[in-house]
Amino acid sequence: MLNPTRRGFLFVSAAAVLAACSTTVPVLPKAAASRPEELTQSEILTAINTVRKANGAPDWTYNPRLEDAARSQARLMAQKDTMSHDLGVTLRQRVTTAGYLGAVGENVAKGYTNLQGAIEGWMNSSGHRSTLLSSKFTEFGLASARASSGKVYWTMIAGGSFDAWRG
């Protein structure tokens, strides 16, 4: 049996380790809790940049071309009621079709009923978190689409210069 002092030390040590691994997802503006179909570009920009700021990342700007590519993917996922990065059209094909020629990264999600939930899901996944907080990307677009089943599919595409990824 552990003595009370040792037990307290172990508890505090475990709490410190867990705190170091935690994600910072601030309570987002009320708009982030809105129905996906009601979100405005300004509300989306505020929600994403609030999370980025809380995690020490610089603000991104909103890019309508990346939104178009994101909308294309969200609609395709909703149509097929399947979450995937590639449902017959690659990320590069989607962004090129939308007129975007820079470096890109993509986060997809399903089942979250609001933007806050989607963001929290991404922040709790190391790869998605890395994209969302990357300082190599400088802009993004985001869209959602609802499947006939009622499930909501989300796509966020981040973009920036290829130069940021070189050497």
C-alpha atoms as a PDB file:
ATOM      1  CA  MET A   1       0.000   0.000   0.000  1.00  0.00           C
ATOM      2  CA  LEU A   2       1.221   3.478  -0.837  1.00  0.00           C
ATOM      3  CA  ASN A   3       1.573   5.940   1.978  1.00  0.00           C
ATOM      4  CA  PRO A   4      -0.545   9.126   1.658  1.00  0.00           C
ATOM      5  CA  THR A   5       2.435  11.329   0.800  1.00  0.00           C
ATOM      6  CA  ARG A   6       3.627   9.037  -1.984  1.00  0.00           C
ATOM      7  CA  ARG A   7       0.069   8.640  -3.318  1.00  0.00           C
ATOM      8  CA  GLY A   8      -0.311  12.446  -3.442  1.00  0.00           C
ATOM      9  CA  PHE A   9       2.995  12.788  -5.259  1.00  0.00           C
ATOM     10  CA  LEU A  10       1.970  10.177  -7.831  1.00  0.00           C
ATOM     11  CA  PHE A  11      -1.391  11.887  -8.358  1.00  0.00           C
ATOM     12  CA  VAL A  12       0.204  15.303  -8.877  1.00  0.00           C
ATOM     13  CA  SER A  13       2.838  13.794 -11.194  1.00  0.00           C
ATOM     14  CA  ALA A  14       0.189  12.023 -13.268  1.00  0.00           C
ATOM     15  CA  ALA A  15      -1.887  15.201 -13.473  1.00  0.00           C
ATOM     16  CA  ALA A  16       1.147  17.173 -14.654  1.00  0.00           C
ATOM     17  CA  VAL A  17       1.897  14.623 -17.375  1.00  0.00           C
ATOM     18  CA  LEU A  18      -1.701  14.623 -18.557  1.00  0.00           C
ATOM     19  CA  ALA A  19      -1.832  18.418 -18.549  1.00  0.00           C
ATOM     20  CA  ALA A  20       1.252  18.535 -20.751  1.00  0.00           C
ATOM     21  CA  CYS A  21      -0.554  16.333 -23.302  1.00  0.00           C
ATOM     22  CA  SER A  22      -3.850  18.180 -23.223  1.00  0.00           C
ATOM     23  CA  THR A  23      -5.240  20.149 -26.100  1.00  0.00           C
ATOM     24  CA  THR A  24      -6.304  23.735 -25.832  1.00  0.00           C
ATOM     25  CA  VAL A  25      -9.743  24.181 -27.301  1.00  0.00           C
ATOM     26  CA  PRO A  26     -11.207  27.384 -25.890  1.00  0.00           C
ATOM     27  CA  VAL A  27     -14.916  27.883 -25.634  1.00  0.00           C
ATOM     28  CA  LEU A  28     -15.672  29.246 -29.059  1.00  0.00           C
ATOM     29  CA  PRO A  29     -18.052  32.081 -29.854  1.00  0.00           C
ATOM     30  CA  LYS A  30     -21.708  31.049 -29.742  1.00  0.00           C
ATOM     31  CA  ALA A  31     -21.843  31.030 -33.546  1.00  0.00           C
ATOM     32  CA  ALA A  32     -19.586  27.970 -33.597  1.00  0.00           C
ATOM     33  CA  ALA A  33     -22.461  26.116 -31.948  1.00  0.00           C
ATOM     34  CA  SER A  34     -24.838  27.134 -34.755  1.00  0.00           C
ATOM     35  CA  ARG A  35     -26.258  24.725 -37.290  1.00  0.00           C
ATOM     36  CA  PRO A  36     -23.635  24.120 -40.005  1.00  0.00           C
ATOM     37  CA  GLU A  37     -25.902  25.550 -42.710  1.00  0.00           C
ATOM     38  CA  GLU A  38     -26.145  28.858 -40.816  1.00  0.00           C
ATOM     39  CA  LEU A  39     -22.419  29.532 -40.324  1.00  0.00           C
ATOM     40  CA  THR A  40     -21.018  32.621 -41.999  1.00  0.00           C
ATOM     41  CA  GLN A  41     -17.490  33.039 -43.323  1.00  0.00           C
ATOM     42  CA  SER A  42     -16.800  35.493 -40.497  1.00  0.00           C
ATOM     43  CA  GLU A  43     -17.990  33.030 -37.834  1.00  0.00           C
ATOM     44  CA  ILE A  44     -15.844  30.246 -39.312  1.00  0.00           C
ATOM     45  CA  LEU A  45     -12.780  32.526 -39.482  1.00  0.00           C
ATOM     46  CA  THR A  46     -13.288  33.605 -35.868  1.00  0.00           C
ATOM     47  CA  ALA A  47     -13.730  30.018 -34.630  1.00  0.00           C
ATOM     48  CA  ILE A  48     -10.608  28.696 -36.372  1.00  0.00           C
ATOM     49  CA  ASN A  49      -8.434  31.654 -35.386  1.00  0.00           C
ATOM     50  CA  THR A  50      -9.639  31.525 -31.764  1.00  0.00           C
ATOM     51  CA  VAL A  51      -8.316  27.964 -31.506  1.00  0.00           C
ATOM     52  CA  ARG A  52      -5.102  28.850 -33.331  1.00  0.00           C
ATOM     53  CA  LYS A  53      -4.442  31.836 -31.036  1.00  0.00           C
ATOM     54  CA  ALA A  54      -5.130  29.755 -27.923  1.00  0.00           C
ATOM     55  CA  ASN A  55      -2.420  27.367 -29.116  1.00  0.00           C
ATOM     56  CA  GLY A  56       0.154  30.014 -30.050  1.00  0.00           C
ATOM     57  CA  ALA A  57      -0.414  29.854 -33.820  1.00  0.00           C
ATOM     58  CA  PRO A  58      -0.816  32.941 -36.008  1.00  0.00           C
ATOM     59  CA  ASP A  59      -4.145  33.821 -37.611  1.00  0.00           C
ATOM     60  CA  TRP A  60      -5.103  32.454 -40.994  1.00  0.00           C
ATOM     61  CA  THR A  61      -7.036  34.307 -43.670  1.00  0.00           C
ATOM     62  CA  TYR A  62     -10.093  32.884 -45.372  1.00  0.00           C
ATOM     63  CA  ASN A  63      -9.783  31.752 -48.982  1.00  0.00           C
ATOM     64  CA  PRO A  64     -12.959  31.272 -51.068  1.00  0.00           C
ATOM     65  CA  ARG A  65     -11.156  28.948 -53.514  1.00  0.00           C
ATOM     66  CA  LEU A  66     -10.192  26.643 -50.684  1.00  0.00           C
ATOM     67  CA  GLU A  67     -13.795  26.852 -49.458  1.00  0.00           C
ATOM     68  CA  ASP A  68     -14.990  25.772 -52.917  1.00  0.00           C
ATOM     69  CA  ALA A  69     -12.652  22.757 -52.832  1.00  0.00           C
ATOM     70  CA  ALA A  70     -13.743  21.960 -49.258  1.00  0.00           C
ATOM     71  CA  ARG A  71     -17.410  22.224 -50.247  1.00  0.00           C
ATOM     72  CA  SER A  72     -16.799  19.838 -53.133  1.00  0.00           C
ATOM     73  CA  GLN A  73     -15.348  17.231 -50.745  1.00  0.00           C
ATOM     74  CA  ALA A  74     -17.982  17.732 -48.041  1.00  0.00           C
ATOM     75  CA  ARG A  75     -20.766  17.292 -50.601  1.00  0.00           C
ATOM     76  CA  LEU A  76     -19.120  14.197 -52.074  1.00  0.00           C
ATOM     77  CA  MET A  77     -18.777  12.626 -48.629  1.00  0.00           C
ATOM     78  CA  ALA A  78     -22.418  13.478 -47.825  1.00  0.00           C
ATOM     79  CA  GLN A  79     -23.600  12.088 -51.150  1.00  0.00           C
ATOM     80  CA  LYS A  80     -21.766   8.804 -50.518  1.00  0.00           C
ATOM     81  CA  ASP A  81     -22.406   8.982 -46.745  1.00  0.00           C
ATOM     82  CA  THR A  82     -18.736   8.046 -46.300  1.00  0.00           C
ATOM     83  CA  MET A  83     -15.861   9.951 -44.751  1.00  0.00           C
ATOM     84  CA  SER A  84     -12.635   9.808 -46.740  1.00  0.00           C
ATOM     85  CA  HIS A  85      -9.957  12.077 -48.157  1.00  0.00           C
ATOM     86  CA  ASP A  86     -10.233  10.389 -51.542  1.00  0.00           C
ATOM     87  CA  LEU A  87     -13.569   9.320 -52.964  1.00  0.00           C
ATOM     88  CA  GLY A  88     -12.376   9.258 -56.565  1.00  0.00           C
ATOM     89  CA  VAL A  89     -11.124  12.860 -56.614  1.00  0.00           C
ATOM     90  CA  THR A  90      -7.840  13.667 -54.883  1.00  0.00           C
ATOM     91  CA  LEU A  91      -7.223  16.737 -52.756  1.00  0.00           C
ATOM     92  CA  ARG A  92      -4.842  18.099 -55.409  1.00  0.00           C
ATOM     93  CA  GLN A  93      -7.490  17.639 -58.119  1.00  0.00           C
ATOM     94  CA  ARG A  94     -10.129  19.428 -56.015  1.00  0.00           C
ATOM     95  CA  VAL A  95      -7.992  22.453 -55.177  1.00  0.00           C
ATOM     96  CA  THR A  96      -6.658  22.764 -58.739  1.00  0.00           C
ATOM     97  CA  THR A  97     -10.213  22.661 -60.102  1.00  0.00           C
ATOM     98  CA  ALA A  98     -11.099  25.418 -57.628  1.00  0.00           C
ATOM     99  CA  GLY A  99      -8.176  27.496 -58.934  1.00  0.00           C
ATOM    100  CA  TYR A 100      -5.809  27.051 -55.989  1.00  0.00           C
ATOM    101  CA  LEU A 101      -2.211  26.147 -56.814  1.00  0.00           C
ATOM    102  CA  GLY A 102      -0.424  26.273 -53.434  1.00  0.00           C
ATOM    103  CA  ALA A 103       0.511  23.648 -50.872  1.00  0.00           C
ATOM    104  CA  VAL A 104      -2.492  22.177 -49.068  1.00  0.00           C
ATOM    105  CA  GLY A 105      -3.520  20.005 -46.155  1.00  0.00           C
ATOM    106  CA  GLU A 106      -6.975  18.682 -45.376  1.00  0.00           C
ATOM    107  CA  ASN A 107      -9.024  17.780 -42.324  1.00  0.00           C
ATOM    108  CA  VAL A 108     -12.290  15.878 -42.687  1.00  0.00           C
ATOM    109  CA  ALA A 109     -14.816  14.908 -40.040  1.00  0.00           C
ATOM    110  CA  LYS A 110     -18.260  13.387 -39.771  1.00  0.00           C
ATOM    111  CA  GLY A 111     -21.072  13.295 -37.290  1.00  0.00           C
ATOM    112  CA  TYR A 112     -20.370  16.553 -35.470  1.00  0.00           C
ATOM    113  CA  THR A 113     -23.487  18.705 -35.323  1.00  0.00           C
ATOM    114  CA  ASN A 114     -21.600  21.988 -35.035  1.00  0.00           C
ATOM    115  CA  LEU A 115     -18.244  23.570 -35.831  1.00  0.00           C
ATOM    116  CA  GLN A 116     -17.099  23.486 -32.184  1.00  0.00           C
ATOM    117  CA  GLY A 117     -17.449  19.692 -32.188  1.00  0.00           C
ATOM    118  CA  ALA A 118     -15.571  19.290 -35.475  1.00  0.00           C
ATOM    119  CA  ILE A 119     -12.735  21.492 -34.217  1.00  0.00           C
ATOM    120  CA  GLU A 120     -12.534  19.581 -30.932  1.00  0.00           C
ATOM    121  CA  GLY A 121     -12.388  16.314 -32.885  1.00  0.00           C
ATOM    122  CA  TRP A 122      -9.531  17.631 -35.008  1.00  0.00           C
ATOM    123  CA  MET A 123      -7.681  18.920 -31.956  1.00  0.00           C
ATOM    124  CA  ASN A 124      -7.909  15.464 -30.361  1.00  0.00           C
ATOM    125  CA  SER A 125      -6.285  13.795 -33.390  1.00  0.00           C
ATOM    126  CA  SER A 126      -2.539  14.422 -33.750  1.00  0.00           C
ATOM    127  CA  GLY A 127      -2.501  14.575 -37.556  1.00  0.00           C
ATOM    128  CA  HIS A 128      -5.550  16.823 -37.791  1.00  0.00           C
ATOM    129  CA  ARG A 129      -4.257  18.992 -34.951  1.00  0.00           C
ATOM    130  CA  SER A 130      -0.959  19.385 -36.789  1.00  0.00           C
ATOM    131  CA  THR A 131      -2.754  20.652 -39.900  1.00  0.00           C
ATOM    132  CA  LEU A 132      -5.028  22.974 -37.923  1.00  0.00           C
ATOM    133  CA  LEU A 133      -2.147  24.553 -36.009  1.00  0.00           C
ATOM    134  CA  SER A 134       0.503  24.525 -38.756  1.00  0.00           C
ATOM    135  CA  SER A 135       2.417  27.764 -39.195  1.00  0.00           C
ATOM    136  CA  LYS A 136       3.339  26.687 -42.740  1.00  0.00           C
ATOM    137  CA  PHE A 137      -0.230  27.250 -43.896  1.00  0.00           C
ATOM    138  CA  THR A 138      -1.531  30.810 -44.017  1.00  0.00           C
ATOM    139  CA  GLU A 139      -5.120  30.475 -45.213  1.00  0.00           C
ATOM    140  CA  PHE A 140      -8.013  28.037 -45.291  1.00  0.00           C
ATOM    141  CA  GLY A 141     -11.524  27.288 -46.457  1.00  0.00           C
ATOM    142  CA  LEU A 142     -14.129  25.210 -44.672  1.00  0.00           C
ATOM    143  CA  ALA A 143     -17.465  23.681 -45.620  1.00  0.00           C
ATOM    144  CA  SER A 144     -19.989  21.166 -44.404  1.00  0.00           C
ATOM    145  CA  ALA A 145     -22.712  19.115 -46.043  1.00  0.00           C
ATOM    146  CA  ARG A 146     -25.535  17.034 -44.651  1.00  0.00           C
ATOM    147  CA  ALA A 147     -26.157  13.499 -45.931  1.00  0.00           C
ATOM    148  CA  SER A 148     -29.679  12.201 -46.514  1.00  0.00           C
ATOM    149  CA  SER A 149     -29.130  10.230 -43.292  1.00  0.00           C
ATOM    150  CA  GLY A 150     -28.821  13.568 -41.461  1.00  0.00           C
ATOM    151  CA  LYS A 151     -25.125  13.055 -40.684  1.00  0.00           C
ATOM    152  CA  VAL A 152     -22.966  16.170 -41.177  1.00  0.00           C
ATOM    153  CA  TYR A 153     -19.655  15.939 -43.034  1.00  0.00           C
ATOM    154  CA  TRP A 154     -16.963  18.607 -42.577  1.00  0.00           C
ATOM    155  CA  THR A 155     -13.947  19.512 -44.692  1.00  0.00           C
ATOM    156  CA  MET A 156     -11.301  22.110 -43.904  1.00  0.00           C
ATOM    157  CA  ILE A 157      -8.521  22.728 -46.411  1.00  0.00           C
ATOM    158  CA  ALA A 158      -5.500  24.755 -45.314  1.00  0.00           C
ATOM    159  CA  GLY A 159      -3.196  26.299 -47.876  1.00  0.00           C
ATOM    160  CA  GLY A 160      -0.021  28.273 -48.298  1.00  0.00           C
ATOM    161  CA  SER A 161       3.160  28.654 -50.279  1.00  0.00           C
ATOM    162  CA  PHE A 162       5.162  25.631 -51.368  1.00  0.00           C
ATOM    163  CA  ASP A 163       8.238  27.596 -50.239  1.00  0.00           C
ATOM    164  CA  ALA A 164       7.267  27.068 -46.587  1.00  0.00           C
ATOM    165  CA  TRP A 165       7.760  23.305 -47.072  1.00  0.00           C
ATOM    166  CA  ARG A 166      11.155  23.482 -48.783  1.00  0.00           C
ATOM    167  CA  GLY A 167      14.422  22.861 -46.983  1.00  0.00           C
END
